[in-house]
Amino acid sequence: MNIDINWLAVAVALVASMVLAKTWFTPLTFGNPWRKYTGITPADSKKAGKKPIILTLFANIITVWTLAVLIDVSAAYFQSTSVWLALLVGFISWLAFSATTLATHNAFEQKPPKLTLINNGYQLALFLLVSAIIGWFGA
């Protein structure tokens, strides 16, 4: 079996993932509640510098590439390049690897449930956005 990754789709999905990350946590969306539940101030963010966004970039590269591989393998197995199949792969991947892990960690770390919802919502949006783009390009 050959894995055929559409690198243009990966590049577009990566850019979209970074736009989503930047947008999700602005004061106009979930930034203020996220700061409230984490206790991270704008000064804390400034002190952290570019490290968090660089880490996000590398994490998103891995996420986008992995979803591209999983979608391609699923497309070959089911003989379908449907966007719906790509979205299903994204949803199942989010549920199995991201949502459950984040919920478990946040429960043991006694984080507020609303913070878990904000962060899991971001992860769900990320996985579905990336999967939709990859699926739209035809896996």
N, C-alpha and C. Protein backbone atom coordinates (compact mmCIF):
# COMPACT_ATOMS: atom_id res chain seq x y z
N MET A 1 0.85 -1.18 0.00
CA MET A 1 0.00 0.00 0.00
C MET A 1 0.90 1.24 0.00
N ASN A 2 0.61 2.14 -0.89
CA ASN A 2 1.32 3.42 -0.94
C ASN A 2 0.51 4.49 -0.23
N ILE A 3 1.19 5.28 0.54
CA ILE A 3 0.53 6.41 1.19
C ILE A 3 0.79 7.62 0.31
N ASP A 4 -0.28 8.22 -0.16
CA ASP A 4 -0.18 9.33 -1.10
C ASP A 4 -0.70 10.59 -0.41
N ILE A 5 0.23 11.40 0.05
CA ILE A 5 -0.15 12.62 0.77
C ILE A 5 -0.17 13.79 -0.20
N ASN A 6 -1.25 14.55 -0.16
CA ASN A 6 -1.35 15.77 -0.95
C ASN A 6 -0.69 16.88 -0.14
N TRP A 7 0.54 17.25 -0.52
CA TRP A 7 1.31 18.21 0.26
C TRP A 7 0.72 19.61 0.21
N LEU A 8 0.03 19.94 -0.88
CA LEU A 8 -0.64 21.24 -0.94
C LEU A 8 -1.76 21.28 0.11
N ALA A 9 -2.51 20.19 0.22
CA ALA A 9 -3.56 20.10 1.23
C ALA A 9 -2.97 20.22 2.63
N VAL A 10 -1.84 19.57 2.86
CA VAL A 10 -1.17 19.64 4.16
C VAL A 10 -0.76 21.07 4.46
N ALA A 11 -0.19 21.76 3.48
CA ALA A 11 0.26 23.14 3.69
C ALA A 11 -0.93 24.07 3.98
N VAL A 12 -2.00 23.92 3.20
CA VAL A 12 -3.20 24.75 3.43
C VAL A 12 -3.79 24.46 4.80
N ALA A 13 -3.87 23.18 5.16
CA ALA A 13 -4.42 22.79 6.46
C ALA A 13 -3.55 23.32 7.60
N LEU A 14 -2.24 23.32 7.42
CA LEU A 14 -1.35 23.82 8.45
C LEU A 14 -1.57 25.33 8.66
N VAL A 15 -1.65 26.07 7.58
CA VAL A 15 -1.91 27.52 7.70
C VAL A 15 -3.26 27.75 8.38
N ALA A 16 -4.27 27.01 7.96
CA ALA A 16 -5.60 27.15 8.57
C ALA A 16 -5.57 26.80 10.05
N SER A 17 -4.77 25.79 10.42
CA SER A 17 -4.69 25.38 11.82
C SER A 17 -4.08 26.49 12.68
N MET A 18 -3.12 27.20 12.12
CA MET A 18 -2.49 28.30 12.87
C MET A 18 -3.43 29.50 12.98
N VAL A 19 -4.19 29.76 11.93
CA VAL A 19 -5.19 30.83 11.99
C VAL A 19 -6.24 30.49 13.04
N LEU A 20 -6.67 29.24 13.07
CA LEU A 20 -7.64 28.81 14.08
C LEU A 20 -7.08 28.99 15.49
N ALA A 21 -5.84 28.58 15.70
CA ALA A 21 -5.23 28.70 17.03
C ALA A 21 -5.19 30.15 17.46
N LYS A 22 -4.79 31.02 16.56
CA LYS A 22 -4.71 32.45 16.88
C LYS A 22 -6.10 33.03 17.16
N THR A 23 -7.07 32.62 16.37
CA THR A 23 -8.43 33.15 16.49
C THR A 23 -9.16 32.63 17.72
N TRP A 24 -8.96 31.35 18.03
CA TRP A 24 -9.72 30.71 19.12
C TRP A 24 -9.47 31.38 20.47
N PHE A 25 -8.24 31.82 20.67
CA PHE A 25 -7.87 32.32 21.99
C PHE A 25 -7.74 33.84 22.05
N THR A 26 -8.39 34.57 21.14
CA THR A 26 -8.40 36.03 21.21
C THR A 26 -9.50 36.47 22.18
N PRO A 27 -9.43 37.71 22.66
CA PRO A 27 -10.48 38.20 23.55
C PRO A 27 -11.88 38.19 22.91
N LEU A 28 -11.95 38.25 21.59
CA LEU A 28 -13.25 38.24 20.91
C LEU A 28 -13.89 36.86 20.88
N THR A 29 -13.10 35.83 21.14
CA THR A 29 -13.66 34.47 21.13
C THR A 29 -13.57 33.89 22.55
N PHE A 30 -12.59 33.01 22.78
CA PHE A 30 -12.50 32.33 24.08
C PHE A 30 -11.31 32.78 24.92
N GLY A 31 -10.60 33.81 24.48
CA GLY A 31 -9.39 34.25 25.17
C GLY A 31 -9.61 34.70 26.60
N ASN A 32 -10.64 35.51 26.81
CA ASN A 32 -10.87 36.01 28.17
C ASN A 32 -11.30 34.90 29.14
N PRO A 33 -12.26 34.05 28.77
CA PRO A 33 -12.58 32.95 29.68
C PRO A 33 -11.40 32.00 29.88
N TRP A 34 -10.64 31.76 28.82
CA TRP A 34 -9.46 30.89 28.94
C TRP A 34 -8.48 31.48 29.95
N ARG A 35 -8.23 32.78 29.87
CA ARG A 35 -7.33 33.43 30.84
C ARG A 35 -7.90 33.31 32.26
N LYS A 36 -9.20 33.49 32.39
CA LYS A 36 -9.84 33.41 33.71
C LYS A 36 -9.63 32.02 34.32
N TYR A 37 -9.87 30.96 33.52
CA TYR A 37 -9.80 29.60 34.06
C TYR A 37 -8.37 29.09 34.22
N THR A 38 -7.42 29.65 33.44
CA THR A 38 -6.03 29.21 33.58
C THR A 38 -5.25 30.08 34.55
N GLY A 39 -5.72 31.32 34.76
CA GLY A 39 -4.98 32.25 35.60
C GLY A 39 -3.79 32.88 34.88
N ILE A 40 -3.68 32.66 33.58
CA ILE A 40 -2.58 33.23 32.80
C ILE A 40 -2.94 34.64 32.38
N THR A 41 -2.11 35.58 32.75
CA THR A 41 -2.35 37.00 32.44
C THR A 41 -1.66 37.36 31.12
N PRO A 42 -2.03 38.51 30.54
CA PRO A 42 -1.30 38.97 29.35
C PRO A 42 0.20 39.13 29.62
N ALA A 43 0.55 39.54 30.84
CA ALA A 43 1.96 39.66 31.19
C ALA A 43 2.65 38.30 31.18
N ASP A 44 1.95 37.27 31.66
CA ASP A 44 2.50 35.91 31.62
C ASP A 44 2.75 35.47 30.18
N SER A 45 1.78 35.78 29.32
CA SER A 45 1.91 35.42 27.90
C SER A 45 3.09 36.14 27.26
N LYS A 46 3.23 37.41 27.60
CA LYS A 46 4.34 38.18 27.05
C LYS A 46 5.67 37.61 27.53
N LYS A 47 5.72 37.23 28.79
CA LYS A 47 6.95 36.66 29.36
C LYS A 47 7.32 35.34 28.67
N ALA A 48 6.31 34.56 28.29
CA ALA A 48 6.56 33.28 27.62
C ALA A 48 7.14 33.47 26.23
N GLY A 49 6.91 34.64 25.66
CA GLY A 49 7.47 34.93 24.34
C GLY A 49 6.82 34.09 23.24
N LYS A 50 7.63 33.70 22.28
CA LYS A 50 7.14 32.95 21.10
C LYS A 50 7.14 31.44 21.31
N LYS A 51 7.64 30.97 22.45
CA LYS A 51 7.73 29.52 22.67
C LYS A 51 6.39 28.80 22.47
N PRO A 52 5.29 29.28 23.07
CA PRO A 52 4.03 28.55 22.90
C PRO A 52 3.56 28.46 21.44
N ILE A 53 3.75 29.53 20.68
CA ILE A 53 3.28 29.50 19.28
C ILE A 53 4.18 28.62 18.43
N ILE A 54 5.47 28.59 18.75
CA ILE A 54 6.39 27.70 18.03
C ILE A 54 6.06 26.24 18.34
N LEU A 55 5.77 25.95 19.60
CA LEU A 55 5.35 24.60 19.97
C LEU A 55 4.04 24.23 19.27
N THR A 56 3.12 25.19 19.20
CA THR A 56 1.85 24.96 18.50
C THR A 56 2.09 24.63 17.03
N LEU A 57 3.01 25.37 16.40
CA LEU A 57 3.34 25.10 15.00
C LEU A 57 3.84 23.68 14.81
N PHE A 58 4.79 23.26 15.64
CA PHE A 58 5.31 21.90 15.51
C PHE A 58 4.26 20.84 15.83
N ALA A 59 3.45 21.09 16.84
CA ALA A 59 2.36 20.15 17.17
C ALA A 59 1.37 20.05 16.01
N ASN A 60 1.05 21.20 15.40
CA ASN A 60 0.10 21.18 14.29
C ASN A 60 0.69 20.52 13.06
N ILE A 61 1.99 20.65 12.83
CA ILE A 61 2.62 19.93 11.71
C ILE A 61 2.41 18.43 11.89
N ILE A 62 2.64 17.94 13.10
CA ILE A 62 2.46 16.51 13.37
C ILE A 62 0.99 16.11 13.23
N THR A 63 0.09 16.93 13.78
CA THR A 63 -1.34 16.62 13.70
C THR A 63 -1.82 16.60 12.26
N VAL A 64 -1.46 17.62 11.49
CA VAL A 64 -1.92 17.70 10.09
C VAL A 64 -1.37 16.53 9.28
N TRP A 65 -0.08 16.25 9.42
CA TRP A 65 0.51 15.15 8.68
C TRP A 65 -0.13 13.81 9.06
N THR A 66 -0.33 13.59 10.36
CA THR A 66 -0.92 12.34 10.82
C THR A 66 -2.34 12.18 10.30
N LEU A 67 -3.12 13.25 10.36
CA LEU A 67 -4.49 13.17 9.83
C LEU A 67 -4.47 12.91 8.33
N ALA A 68 -3.52 13.50 7.60
CA ALA A 68 -3.42 13.24 6.16
C ALA A 68 -3.15 11.76 5.90
N VAL A 69 -2.27 11.17 6.69
CA VAL A 69 -1.97 9.74 6.54
C VAL A 69 -3.20 8.89 6.89
N LEU A 70 -3.83 9.18 8.02
CA LEU A 70 -5.01 8.40 8.43
C LEU A 70 -6.15 8.52 7.42
N ILE A 71 -6.33 9.71 6.89
CA ILE A 71 -7.40 9.91 5.90
C ILE A 71 -7.06 9.16 4.61
N ASP A 72 -5.80 9.19 4.19
CA ASP A 72 -5.41 8.47 2.98
C ASP A 72 -5.59 6.96 3.15
N VAL A 73 -5.17 6.44 4.30
CA VAL A 73 -5.32 5.00 4.55
C VAL A 73 -6.82 4.63 4.57
N SER A 74 -7.63 5.45 5.23
CA SER A 74 -9.07 5.19 5.28
C SER A 74 -9.70 5.28 3.90
N ALA A 75 -9.27 6.25 3.12
CA ALA A 75 -9.80 6.42 1.75
C ALA A 75 -9.47 5.19 0.90
N ALA A 76 -8.25 4.67 1.06
CA ALA A 76 -7.86 3.47 0.32
C ALA A 76 -8.67 2.27 0.78
N TYR A 77 -8.82 2.13 2.08
CA TYR A 77 -9.55 0.98 2.63
C TYR A 77 -11.02 1.00 2.20
N PHE A 78 -11.66 2.15 2.33
CA PHE A 78 -13.09 2.26 2.00
C PHE A 78 -13.33 2.62 0.54
N GLN A 79 -12.27 2.82 -0.21
CA GLN A 79 -12.35 3.20 -1.61
C GLN A 79 -13.26 4.41 -1.80
N SER A 80 -12.96 5.43 -1.00
CA SER A 80 -13.76 6.66 -1.03
C SER A 80 -12.87 7.84 -0.66
N THR A 81 -13.02 8.93 -1.41
CA THR A 81 -12.32 10.16 -1.06
C THR A 81 -13.31 11.22 -0.59
N SER A 82 -14.38 10.77 0.01
CA SER A 82 -15.44 11.66 0.51
C SER A 82 -14.93 12.57 1.62
N VAL A 83 -15.37 13.81 1.57
CA VAL A 83 -15.07 14.75 2.66
C VAL A 83 -15.68 14.21 3.96
N TRP A 84 -16.82 13.55 3.86
CA TRP A 84 -17.48 13.00 5.06
C TRP A 84 -16.62 11.93 5.72
N LEU A 85 -15.96 11.12 4.90
CA LEU A 85 -15.05 10.12 5.47
C LEU A 85 -13.88 10.81 6.17
N ALA A 86 -13.35 11.84 5.55
CA ALA A 86 -12.25 12.60 6.16
C ALA A 86 -12.69 13.20 7.49
N LEU A 87 -13.89 13.77 7.52
CA LEU A 87 -14.41 14.35 8.77
C LEU A 87 -14.61 13.28 9.83
N LEU A 88 -15.08 12.11 9.43
CA LEU A 88 -15.26 11.01 10.38
C LEU A 88 -13.91 10.58 10.95
N VAL A 89 -12.90 10.49 10.12
CA VAL A 89 -11.56 10.15 10.59
C VAL A 89 -11.07 11.21 11.58
N GLY A 90 -11.29 12.48 11.24
CA GLY A 90 -10.89 13.56 12.13
C GLY A 90 -11.62 13.51 13.46
N PHE A 91 -12.92 13.26 13.42
CA PHE A 91 -13.70 13.19 14.65
C PHE A 91 -13.26 12.02 15.53
N ILE A 92 -13.10 10.85 14.92
CA ILE A 92 -12.69 9.67 15.69
C ILE A 92 -11.28 9.87 16.27
N SER A 93 -10.40 10.48 15.49
CA SER A 93 -9.04 10.75 15.97
C SER A 93 -9.07 11.71 17.16
N TRP A 94 -9.88 12.76 17.03
CA TRP A 94 -10.01 13.72 18.14
C TRP A 94 -10.55 13.02 19.38
N LEU A 95 -11.62 12.26 19.20
CA LEU A 95 -12.26 11.60 20.34
C LEU A 95 -11.30 10.61 21.01
N ALA A 96 -10.61 9.83 20.22
CA ALA A 96 -9.74 8.78 20.77
C ALA A 96 -8.45 9.32 21.37
N PHE A 97 -7.86 10.31 20.75
CA PHE A 97 -6.52 10.72 21.16
C PHE A 97 -6.44 12.07 21.86
N SER A 98 -7.34 12.96 21.56
CA SER A 98 -7.24 14.31 22.13
C SER A 98 -8.25 14.52 23.25
N ALA A 99 -9.52 14.32 22.95
CA ALA A 99 -10.58 14.61 23.93
C ALA A 99 -10.41 13.80 25.20
N THR A 100 -10.17 12.52 25.05
CA THR A 100 -10.06 11.66 26.22
C THR A 100 -8.82 11.99 27.05
N THR A 101 -7.72 12.26 26.36
CA THR A 101 -6.48 12.59 27.07
C THR A 101 -6.62 13.90 27.82
N LEU A 102 -7.15 14.91 27.14
CA LEU A 102 -7.31 16.22 27.79
C LEU A 102 -8.29 16.14 28.96
N ALA A 103 -9.39 15.45 28.76
CA ALA A 103 -10.38 15.33 29.84
C ALA A 103 -9.79 14.62 31.06
N THR A 104 -9.01 13.57 30.82
CA THR A 104 -8.39 12.84 31.92
C THR A 104 -7.39 13.71 32.67
N HIS A 105 -6.51 14.36 31.92
CA HIS A 105 -5.51 15.22 32.57
C HIS A 105 -6.17 16.34 33.36
N ASN A 106 -7.15 16.98 32.74
CA ASN A 106 -7.81 18.09 33.42
C ASN A 106 -8.57 17.64 34.67
N ALA A 107 -9.11 16.44 34.63
CA ALA A 107 -9.82 15.93 35.80
C ALA A 107 -8.85 15.71 36.96
N PHE A 108 -7.72 15.07 36.68
CA PHE A 108 -6.74 14.83 37.74
C PHE A 108 -6.07 16.11 38.21
N GLU A 109 -5.90 17.07 37.30
CA GLU A 109 -5.30 18.35 37.67
C GLU A 109 -6.33 19.32 38.25
N GLN A 110 -7.57 18.84 38.35
CA GLN A 110 -8.69 19.60 38.93
C GLN A 110 -8.88 20.95 38.26
N LYS A 111 -8.80 20.93 36.94
CA LYS A 111 -9.04 22.13 36.14
C LYS A 111 -10.55 22.34 36.03
N PRO A 112 -10.98 23.57 35.87
CA PRO A 112 -12.42 23.82 35.74
C PRO A 112 -12.99 23.14 34.49
N PRO A 113 -14.16 22.54 34.61
CA PRO A 113 -14.78 21.89 33.44
C PRO A 113 -14.94 22.84 32.24
N LYS A 114 -15.17 24.12 32.50
CA LYS A 114 -15.31 25.06 31.38
C LYS A 114 -14.00 25.22 30.63
N LEU A 115 -12.87 25.11 31.31
CA LEU A 115 -11.59 25.15 30.63
C LEU A 115 -11.42 23.92 29.74
N THR A 116 -11.84 22.79 30.24
CA THR A 116 -11.78 21.56 29.45
C THR A 116 -12.64 21.71 28.20
N LEU A 117 -13.81 22.32 28.33
CA LEU A 117 -14.67 22.53 27.17
C LEU A 117 -14.03 23.48 26.16
N ILE A 118 -13.43 24.55 26.63
CA ILE A 118 -12.78 25.50 25.72
C ILE A 118 -11.64 24.81 24.97
N ASN A 119 -10.80 24.11 25.70
CA ASN A 119 -9.65 23.46 25.07
C ASN A 119 -10.04 22.29 24.18
N ASN A 120 -11.02 21.51 24.62
CA ASN A 120 -11.49 20.40 23.79
C ASN A 120 -12.24 20.92 22.57
N GLY A 121 -12.95 22.02 22.74
CA GLY A 121 -13.63 22.64 21.59
C GLY A 121 -12.63 23.08 20.54
N TYR A 122 -11.52 23.66 21.00
CA TYR A 122 -10.46 24.06 20.07
C TYR A 122 -9.90 22.83 19.35
N GLN A 123 -9.62 21.79 20.11
CA GLN A 123 -9.06 20.58 19.49
C GLN A 123 -10.03 19.96 18.49
N LEU A 124 -11.31 19.94 18.83
CA LEU A 124 -12.31 19.40 17.90
C LEU A 124 -12.36 20.25 16.64
N ALA A 125 -12.39 21.56 16.80
CA ALA A 125 -12.40 22.45 15.63
C ALA A 125 -11.14 22.23 14.79
N LEU A 126 -9.99 22.08 15.44
CA LEU A 126 -8.74 21.84 14.74
C LEU A 126 -8.80 20.55 13.92
N PHE A 127 -9.18 19.45 14.55
CA PHE A 127 -9.21 18.16 13.86
C PHE A 127 -10.21 18.18 12.71
N LEU A 128 -11.38 18.80 12.92
CA LEU A 128 -12.39 18.83 11.85
C LEU A 128 -11.99 19.77 10.72
N LEU A 129 -11.42 20.92 11.04
CA LEU A 129 -10.96 21.86 10.01
C LEU A 129 -9.89 21.21 9.14
N VAL A 130 -8.89 20.66 9.78
CA VAL A 130 -7.80 20.01 9.04
C VAL A 130 -8.33 18.86 8.19
N SER A 131 -9.19 18.04 8.77
CA SER A 131 -9.75 16.90 8.04
C SER A 131 -10.60 17.34 6.86
N ALA A 132 -11.38 18.40 7.05
CA ALA A 132 -12.21 18.92 5.96
C ALA A 132 -11.34 19.41 4.80
N ILE A 133 -10.28 20.11 5.12
CA ILE A 133 -9.39 20.62 4.06
C ILE A 133 -8.72 19.47 3.32
N ILE A 134 -8.19 18.52 4.07
CA ILE A 134 -7.54 17.37 3.44
C ILE A 134 -8.55 16.59 2.60
N GLY A 135 -9.74 16.39 3.15
CA GLY A 135 -10.79 15.69 2.41
C GLY A 135 -11.23 16.45 1.17
N TRP A 136 -11.32 17.75 1.27
CA TRP A 136 -11.73 18.57 0.13
C TRP A 136 -10.72 18.48 -1.01
N PHE A 137 -9.44 18.37 -0.66
CA PHE A 137 -8.40 18.21 -1.67
C PHE A 137 -8.37 16.78 -2.22
N GLY A 138 -9.18 15.90 -1.62
CA GLY A 138 -9.26 14.53 -2.13
C GLY A 138 -8.27 13.57 -1.50
N ALA A 139 -7.97 13.80 -0.20
CA ALA A 139 -7.05 12.94 0.58
C ALA A 139 -5.74 12.82 -0.10
